[in-house]
Amino acid sequence: SPAWPISYDDLAPFYDRAERIYDVHGAR
């Protein structure tokens, strides 16, 4: 499975925002 040209760290702050926008419920 090939590598992405970006890393998880590049997306991490946007994952935070997406979880807020989508009202995500979970147990970190």
PDB file of all heavy atoms in Angstrom:
ATOM      1  N   SER A   1       0.861  -1.171   0.000  1.00  0.00           N
ATOM      2  CA  SER A   1       0.000   0.000   0.000  1.00  0.00           C
ATOM      3  C   SER A   1       0.903   1.228   0.000  1.00  0.00           C
ATOM      4  O   SER A   1       1.757   1.374   0.876  1.00  0.00           O
ATOM      5  CB  SER A   1      -0.896  -0.009   1.240  1.00  0.00           C
ATOM      6  OG  SER A   1      -1.639   1.181   1.332  1.00  0.00           O
ATOM      7  N   PRO A   2       0.740   2.149  -0.955  1.00  0.00           N
ATOM      8  CA  PRO A   2       1.718   3.238  -1.109  1.00  0.00           C
ATOM      9  C   PRO A   2       1.555   4.326  -0.055  1.00  0.00           C
ATOM     10  O   PRO A   2       0.510   4.476   0.579  1.00  0.00           O
ATOM     11  CB  PRO A   2       1.397   3.785  -2.497  1.00  0.00           C
ATOM     12  CG  PRO A   2      -0.062   3.513  -2.680  1.00  0.00           C
ATOM     13  CD  PRO A   2      -0.310   2.198  -1.999  1.00  0.00           C
ATOM     14  N   ALA A   3       2.623   5.096   0.099  1.00  0.00           N
ATOM     15  CA  ALA A   3       2.606   6.239   1.022  1.00  0.00           C
ATOM     16  C   ALA A   3       1.835   7.405   0.420  1.00  0.00           C
ATOM     17  O   ALA A   3       1.730   7.558  -0.795  1.00  0.00           O
ATOM     18  CB  ALA A   3       4.034   6.669   1.338  1.00  0.00           C
ATOM     19  N   TRP A   4       1.283   8.224   1.303  1.00  0.00           N
ATOM     20  CA  TRP A   4       0.673   9.494   0.905  1.00  0.00           C
ATOM     21  C   TRP A   4       1.770  10.561   0.819  1.00  0.00           C
ATOM     22  O   TRP A   4       2.804  10.455   1.499  1.00  0.00           O
ATOM     23  CB  TRP A   4      -0.366   9.923   1.929  1.00  0.00           C
ATOM     24  CG  TRP A   4      -1.612   9.099   1.986  1.00  0.00           C
ATOM     25  CD1 TRP A   4      -1.702   7.738   2.013  1.00  0.00           C
ATOM     26  CD2 TRP A   4      -2.954   9.599   2.043  1.00  0.00           C
ATOM     27  NE1 TRP A   4      -3.019   7.342   2.085  1.00  0.00           N
ATOM     28  CE2 TRP A   4      -3.809   8.475   2.112  1.00  0.00           C
ATOM     29  CE3 TRP A   4      -3.512  10.867   2.064  1.00  0.00           C
ATOM     30  CZ2 TRP A   4      -5.198   8.587   2.183  1.00  0.00           C
ATOM     31  CZ3 TRP A   4      -4.887  10.988   2.139  1.00  0.00           C
ATOM     32  CH2 TRP A   4      -5.726   9.859   2.189  1.00  0.00           C
ATOM     33  N   PRO A   5       1.539  11.635   0.062  1.00  0.00           N
ATOM     34  CA  PRO A   5       2.514  12.734   0.033  1.00  0.00           C
ATOM     35  C   PRO A   5       2.351  13.691   1.213  1.00  0.00           C
ATOM     36  O   PRO A   5       3.089  14.664   1.311  1.00  0.00           O
ATOM     37  CB  PRO A   5       2.202  13.428  -1.290  1.00  0.00           C
ATOM     38  CG  PRO A   5       0.740  13.197  -1.475  1.00  0.00           C
ATOM     39  CD  PRO A   5       0.477  11.818  -0.931  1.00  0.00           C
ATOM     40  N   ILE A   6       1.362  13.437   2.060  1.00  0.00           N
ATOM     41  CA  ILE A   6       1.195  14.181   3.312  1.00  0.00           C
ATOM     42  C   ILE A   6       1.195  13.190   4.458  1.00  0.00           C
ATOM     43  O   ILE A   6       1.045  11.976   4.253  1.00  0.00           O
ATOM     44  CB  ILE A   6      -0.110  15.014   3.327  1.00  0.00           C
ATOM     45  CG1 ILE A   6      -1.338  14.105   3.190  1.00  0.00           C
ATOM     46  CG2 ILE A   6      -0.090  16.072   2.229  1.00  0.00           C
ATOM     47  CD1 ILE A   6      -2.671  14.821   3.344  1.00  0.00           C
ATOM     48  N   SER A   7       1.368  13.688   5.672  1.00  0.00           N
ATOM     49  CA  SER A   7       1.437  12.826   6.846  1.00  0.00           C
ATOM     50  C   SER A   7       0.187  12.986   7.704  1.00  0.00           C
ATOM     51  O   SER A   7      -0.628  13.892   7.489  1.00  0.00           O
ATOM     52  CB  SER A   7       2.666  13.176   7.681  1.00  0.00           C
ATOM     53  OG  SER A   7       2.488  14.454   8.302  1.00  0.00           O
ATOM     54  N   TYR A   8       0.068  12.117   8.685  1.00  0.00           N
ATOM     55  CA  TYR A   8      -1.028  12.250   9.646  1.00  0.00           C
ATOM     56  C   TYR A   8      -0.975  13.616  10.324  1.00  0.00           C
ATOM     57  O   TYR A   8      -2.020  14.244  10.546  1.00  0.00           O
ATOM     58  CB  TYR A   8      -0.950  11.142  10.694  1.00  0.00           C
ATOM     59  CG  TYR A   8      -1.992  11.285  11.782  1.00  0.00           C
ATOM     60  CD1 TYR A   8      -3.282  10.814  11.594  1.00  0.00           C
ATOM     61  CD2 TYR A   8      -1.691  11.918  12.983  1.00  0.00           C
ATOM     62  CE1 TYR A   8      -4.249  10.965  12.577  1.00  0.00           C
ATOM     63  CE2 TYR A   8      -2.652  12.073  13.975  1.00  0.00           C
ATOM     64  CZ  TYR A   8      -3.929  11.598  13.772  1.00  0.00           C
ATOM     65  OH  TYR A   8      -4.885  11.758  14.745  1.00  0.00           O
ATOM     66  N   ASP A   9       0.221  14.073  10.658  1.00  0.00           N
ATOM     67  CA  ASP A   9       0.348  15.368  11.345  1.00  0.00           C
ATOM     68  C   ASP A   9      -0.208  16.511  10.503  1.00  0.00           C
ATOM     69  O   ASP A   9      -0.723  17.503  11.039  1.00  0.00           O
ATOM     70  CB  ASP A   9       1.815  15.637  11.692  1.00  0.00           C
ATOM     71  CG  ASP A   9       2.324  14.738  12.802  1.00  0.00           C
ATOM     72  OD1 ASP A   9       1.491  14.150  13.527  1.00  0.00           O
ATOM     73  OD2 ASP A   9       3.548  14.610  12.936  1.00  0.00           O
ATOM     74  N   ASP A  10      -0.098  16.390   9.177  1.00  0.00           N
ATOM     75  CA  ASP A  10      -0.654  17.430   8.301  1.00  0.00           C
ATOM     76  C   ASP A  10      -2.174  17.502   8.413  1.00  0.00           C
ATOM     77  O   ASP A  10      -2.775  18.582   8.263  1.00  0.00           O
ATOM     78  CB  ASP A  10      -0.270  17.159   6.845  1.00  0.00           C
ATOM     79  CG  ASP A  10       1.218  17.310   6.594  1.00  0.00           C
ATOM     80  OD1 ASP A  10       1.821  18.225   7.171  1.00  0.00           O
ATOM     81  OD2 ASP A  10       1.767  16.505   5.822  1.00  0.00           O
ATOM     82  N   LEU A  11      -2.810  16.368   8.665  1.00  0.00           N
ATOM     83  CA  LEU A  11      -4.270  16.322   8.736  1.00  0.00           C
ATOM     84  C   LEU A  11      -4.814  16.443  10.153  1.00  0.00           C
ATOM     85  O   LEU A  11      -6.005  16.729  10.333  1.00  0.00           O
ATOM     86  CB  LEU A  11      -4.793  15.006   8.132  1.00  0.00           C
ATOM     87  CG  LEU A  11      -5.064  14.956   6.630  1.00  0.00           C
ATOM     88  CD1 LEU A  11      -5.797  13.669   6.268  1.00  0.00           C
ATOM     89  CD2 LEU A  11      -5.874  16.158   6.156  1.00  0.00           C
ATOM     90  N   ALA A  12      -3.971  16.214  11.164  1.00  0.00           N
ATOM     91  CA  ALA A  12      -4.464  16.128  12.545  1.00  0.00           C
ATOM     92  C   ALA A  12      -5.320  17.324  12.972  1.00  0.00           C
ATOM     93  O   ALA A  12      -6.411  17.131  13.518  1.00  0.00           O
ATOM     94  CB  ALA A  12      -3.293  15.917  13.508  1.00  0.00           C
ATOM     95  N   PRO A  13      -4.878  18.577  12.756  1.00  0.00           N
ATOM     96  CA  PRO A  13      -5.734  19.699  13.200  1.00  0.00           C
ATOM     97  C   PRO A  13      -7.054  19.765  12.445  1.00  0.00           C
ATOM     98  O   PRO A  13      -8.061  20.248  12.984  1.00  0.00           O
ATOM     99  CB  PRO A  13      -4.869  20.936  12.937  1.00  0.00           C
ATOM    100  CG  PRO A  13      -3.867  20.511  11.930  1.00  0.00           C
ATOM    101  CD  PRO A  13      -3.599  19.061  12.192  1.00  0.00           C
ATOM    102  N   PHE A  14      -7.069  19.263  11.215  1.00  0.00           N
ATOM    103  CA  PHE A  14      -8.302  19.279  10.426  1.00  0.00           C
ATOM    104  C   PHE A  14      -9.215  18.122  10.825  1.00  0.00           C
ATOM    105  O   PHE A  14     -10.446  18.240  10.729  1.00  0.00           O
ATOM    106  CB  PHE A  14      -7.961  19.259   8.939  1.00  0.00           C
ATOM    107  CG  PHE A  14      -7.093  20.424   8.540  1.00  0.00           C
ATOM    108  CD1 PHE A  14      -5.728  20.269   8.338  1.00  0.00           C
ATOM    109  CD2 PHE A  14      -7.635  21.696   8.414  1.00  0.00           C
ATOM    110  CE1 PHE A  14      -4.924  21.343   7.994  1.00  0.00           C
ATOM    111  CE2 PHE A  14      -6.839  22.789   8.066  1.00  0.00           C
ATOM    112  CZ  PHE A  14      -5.482  22.605   7.864  1.00  0.00           C
ATOM    113  N   TYR A  15      -8.633  17.019  11.280  1.00  0.00           N
ATOM    114  CA  TYR A  15      -9.448  15.970  11.894  1.00  0.00           C
ATOM    115  C   TYR A  15     -10.175  16.535  13.123  1.00  0.00           C
ATOM    116  O   TYR A  15     -11.360  16.247  13.345  1.00  0.00           O
ATOM    117  CB  TYR A  15      -8.570  14.804  12.328  1.00  0.00           C
ATOM    118  CG  TYR A  15      -8.310  13.743  11.282  1.00  0.00           C
ATOM    119  CD1 TYR A  15      -7.022  13.265  11.062  1.00  0.00           C
ATOM    120  CD2 TYR A  15      -9.348  13.176  10.545  1.00  0.00           C
ATOM    121  CE1 TYR A  15      -6.764  12.263  10.140  1.00  0.00           C
ATOM    122  CE2 TYR A  15      -9.100  12.178   9.613  1.00  0.00           C
ATOM    123  CZ  TYR A  15      -7.805  11.724   9.407  1.00  0.00           C
ATOM    124  OH  TYR A  15      -7.560  10.725   8.492  1.00  0.00           O
ATOM    125  N   ASP A  16      -9.458  17.318  13.926  1.00  0.00           N
ATOM    126  CA  ASP A  16     -10.095  17.938  15.100  1.00  0.00           C
ATOM    127  C   ASP A  16     -11.308  18.762  14.684  1.00  0.00           C
ATOM    128  O   ASP A  16     -12.391  18.667  15.280  1.00  0.00           O
ATOM    129  CB  ASP A  16      -9.096  18.847  15.832  1.00  0.00           C
ATOM    130  CG  ASP A  16      -7.974  18.073  16.514  1.00  0.00           C
ATOM    131  OD1 ASP A  16      -8.117  16.853  16.719  1.00  0.00           O
ATOM    132  OD2 ASP A  16      -6.952  18.711  16.849  1.00  0.00           O
ATOM    133  N   ARG A  17     -11.125  19.592  13.654  1.00  0.00           N
ATOM    134  CA  ARG A  17     -12.214  20.452  13.195  1.00  0.00           C
ATOM    135  C   ARG A  17     -13.357  19.629  12.612  1.00  0.00           C
ATOM    136  O   ARG A  17     -14.540  19.915  12.860  1.00  0.00           O
ATOM    137  CB  ARG A  17     -11.692  21.440  12.154  1.00  0.00           C
ATOM    138  CG  ARG A  17     -10.812  22.535  12.730  1.00  0.00           C
ATOM    139  CD  ARG A  17     -10.218  23.408  11.636  1.00  0.00           C
ATOM    140  NE  ARG A  17     -11.237  24.006  10.780  1.00  0.00           N
ATOM    141  CZ  ARG A  17     -10.960  24.685   9.669  1.00  0.00           C
ATOM    142  NH1 ARG A  17      -9.685  24.837   9.302  1.00  0.00           N
ATOM    143  NH2 ARG A  17     -11.924  25.207   8.937  1.00  0.00           N
ATOM    144  N   ALA A  18     -13.013  18.607  11.837  1.00  0.00           N
ATOM    145  CA  ALA A  18     -14.053  17.782  11.225  1.00  0.00           C
ATOM    146  C   ALA A  18     -14.881  17.070  12.289  1.00  0.00           C
ATOM    147  O   ALA A  18     -16.100  16.939  12.157  1.00  0.00           O
ATOM    148  CB  ALA A  18     -13.425  16.770  10.266  1.00  0.00           C
ATOM    149  N   GLU A  19     -14.243  16.604  13.352  1.00  0.00           N
ATOM    150  CA  GLU A  19     -14.983  15.947  14.430  1.00  0.00           C
ATOM    151  C   GLU A  19     -15.955  16.912  15.100  1.00  0.00           C
ATOM    152  O   GLU A  19     -17.075  16.522  15.470  1.00  0.00           O
ATOM    153  CB  GLU A  19     -14.021  15.359  15.451  1.00  0.00           C
ATOM    154  CG  GLU A  19     -13.311  14.101  14.963  1.00  0.00           C
ATOM    155  CD  GLU A  19     -12.269  13.574  15.924  1.00  0.00           C
ATOM    156  OE1 GLU A  19     -11.887  14.310  16.869  1.00  0.00           O
ATOM    157  OE2 GLU A  19     -11.823  12.433  15.740  1.00  0.00           O
ATOM    158  N   ARG A  20     -15.551  18.160  15.242  1.00  0.00           N
ATOM    159  CA  ARG A  20     -16.476  19.141  15.827  1.00  0.00           C
ATOM    160  C   ARG A  20     -17.636  19.428  14.886  1.00  0.00           C
ATOM    161  O   ARG A  20     -18.800  19.505  15.313  1.00  0.00           O
ATOM    162  CB  ARG A  20     -15.716  20.433  16.175  1.00  0.00           C
ATOM    163  CG  ARG A  20     -14.715  20.281  17.312  1.00  0.00           C
ATOM    164  CD  ARG A  20     -14.226  21.629  17.808  1.00  0.00           C
ATOM    165  NE  ARG A  20     -13.501  22.390  16.808  1.00  0.00           N
ATOM    166  CZ  ARG A  20     -12.194  22.314  16.598  1.00  0.00           C
ATOM    167  NH1 ARG A  20     -11.456  21.482  17.320  1.00  0.00           N
ATOM    168  NH2 ARG A  20     -11.598  23.068  15.678  1.00  0.00           N
ATOM    169  N   ILE A  21     -17.344  19.595  13.619  1.00  0.00           N
ATOM    170  CA  ILE A  21     -18.390  19.889  12.638  1.00  0.00           C
ATOM    171  C   ILE A  21     -19.412  18.761  12.570  1.00  0.00           C
ATOM    172  O   ILE A  21     -20.620  19.000  12.448  1.00  0.00           O
ATOM    173  CB  ILE A  21     -17.755  20.136  11.253  1.00  0.00           C
ATOM    174  CG1 ILE A  21     -17.027  21.486  11.228  1.00  0.00           C
ATOM    175  CG2 ILE A  21     -18.806  20.076  10.148  1.00  0.00           C
ATOM    176  CD1 ILE A  21     -16.200  21.714   9.983  1.00  0.00           C
ATOM    177  N   TYR A  22     -18.938  17.523  12.669  1.00  0.00           N
ATOM    178  CA  TYR A  22     -19.813  16.362  12.549  1.00  0.00           C
ATOM    179  C   TYR A  22     -20.298  15.828  13.901  1.00  0.00           C
ATOM    180  O   TYR A  22     -20.848  14.736  13.968  1.00  0.00           O
ATOM    181  CB  TYR A  22     -19.105  15.255  11.759  1.00  0.00           C
ATOM    182  CG  TYR A  22     -19.263  15.405  10.260  1.00  0.00           C
ATOM    183  CD1 TYR A  22     -18.419  16.235   9.526  1.00  0.00           C
ATOM    184  CD2 TYR A  22     -20.273  14.741   9.581  1.00  0.00           C
ATOM    185  CE1 TYR A  22     -18.569  16.391   8.151  1.00  0.00           C
ATOM    186  CE2 TYR A  22     -20.437  14.875   8.206  1.00  0.00           C
ATOM    187  CZ  TYR A  22     -19.581  15.700   7.496  1.00  0.00           C
ATOM    188  OH  TYR A  22     -19.743  15.855   6.141  1.00  0.00           O
ATOM    189  N   ASP A  23     -20.111  16.603  14.970  1.00  0.00           N
ATOM    190  CA  ASP A  23     -20.647  16.238  16.288  1.00  0.00           C
ATOM    191  C   ASP A  23     -20.278  14.804  16.667  1.00  0.00           C
ATOM    192  O   ASP A  23     -21.127  14.004  17.066  1.00  0.00           O
ATOM    193  CB  ASP A  23     -22.173  16.389  16.318  1.00  0.00           C
ATOM    194  CG  ASP A  23     -22.615  17.834  16.189  1.00  0.00           C
ATOM    195  OD1 ASP A  23     -21.998  18.690  16.838  1.00  0.00           O
ATOM    196  OD2 ASP A  23     -23.555  18.113  15.428  1.00  0.00           O
ATOM    197  N   VAL A  24     -18.999  14.472  16.566  1.00  0.00           N
ATOM    198  CA  VAL A  24     -18.584  13.092  16.787  1.00  0.00           C
ATOM    199  C   VAL A  24     -18.592  12.754  18.278  1.00  0.00           C
ATOM    200  O   VAL A  24     -18.085  13.508  19.111  1.00  0.00           O
ATOM    201  CB  VAL A  24     -17.189  12.826  16.190  1.00  0.00           C
ATOM    202  CG1 VAL A  24     -16.765  11.378  16.465  1.00  0.00           C
ATOM    203  CG2 VAL A  24     -17.214  13.083  14.684  1.00  0.00           C
ATOM    204  N   HIS A  25     -19.182  11.608  18.590  1.00  0.00           N
ATOM    205  CA  HIS A  25     -19.232  11.049  19.938  1.00  0.00           C
ATOM    206  C   HIS A  25     -18.261   9.878  19.992  1.00  0.00           C
ATOM    207  O   HIS A  25     -18.273   9.003  19.121  1.00  0.00           O
ATOM    208  CB  HIS A  25     -20.633  10.546  20.266  1.00  0.00           C
ATOM    209  CG  HIS A  25     -21.672  11.619  20.309  1.00  0.00           C
ATOM    210  ND1 HIS A  25     -22.338  11.966  21.462  1.00  0.00           N
ATOM    211  CD2 HIS A  25     -22.159  12.437  19.335  1.00  0.00           C
ATOM    212  CE1 HIS A  25     -23.192  12.933  21.202  1.00  0.00           C
ATOM    213  NE2 HIS A  25     -23.100  13.242  19.918  1.00  0.00           N
ATOM    214  N   GLY A  26     -17.441   9.823  21.017  1.00  0.00           N
ATOM    215  CA  GLY A  26     -16.508   8.710  21.147  1.00  0.00           C
ATOM    216  C   GLY A  26     -15.780   8.762  22.466  1.00  0.00           C
ATOM    217  O   GLY A  26     -15.983   9.673  23.286  1.00  0.00           O
ATOM    218  N   ALA A  27     -14.919   7.786  22.677  1.00  0.00           N
ATOM    219  CA  ALA A  27     -14.109   7.692  23.900  1.00  0.00           C
ATOM    220  C   ALA A  27     -12.646   7.632  23.487  1.00  0.00           C
ATOM    221  O   ALA A  27     -12.152   6.570  23.091  1.00  0.00           O
ATOM    222  CB  ALA A  27     -14.500   6.459  24.715  1.00  0.00           C
ATOM    223  N   ARG A  28     -11.974   8.766  23.534  1.00  0.00           N
ATOM    224  CA  ARG A  28     -10.586   8.837  23.096  1.00  0.00           C
ATOM    225  C   ARG A  28      -9.728   7.889  23.926  1.00  0.00           C
ATOM    226  O   ARG A  28      -9.804   7.864  25.150  1.00  0.00           O
ATOM    227  CB  ARG A  28     -10.064  10.256  23.223  1.00  0.00           C
ATOM    228  CG  ARG A  28      -8.771  10.515  22.475  1.00  0.00           C
ATOM    229  CD  ARG A  28      -9.025  10.725  20.993  1.00  0.00           C
ATOM    230  NE  ARG A  28      -9.615  12.040  20.709  1.00  0.00           N
ATOM    231  CZ  ARG A  28     -10.169  12.375  19.543  1.00  0.00           C
ATOM    232  NH1 ARG A  28     -10.243  11.512  18.555  1.00  0.00           N
ATOM    233  NH2 ARG A  28     -10.680  13.583  19.380  1.00  0.00           N
TER     234      ARG A  28
END
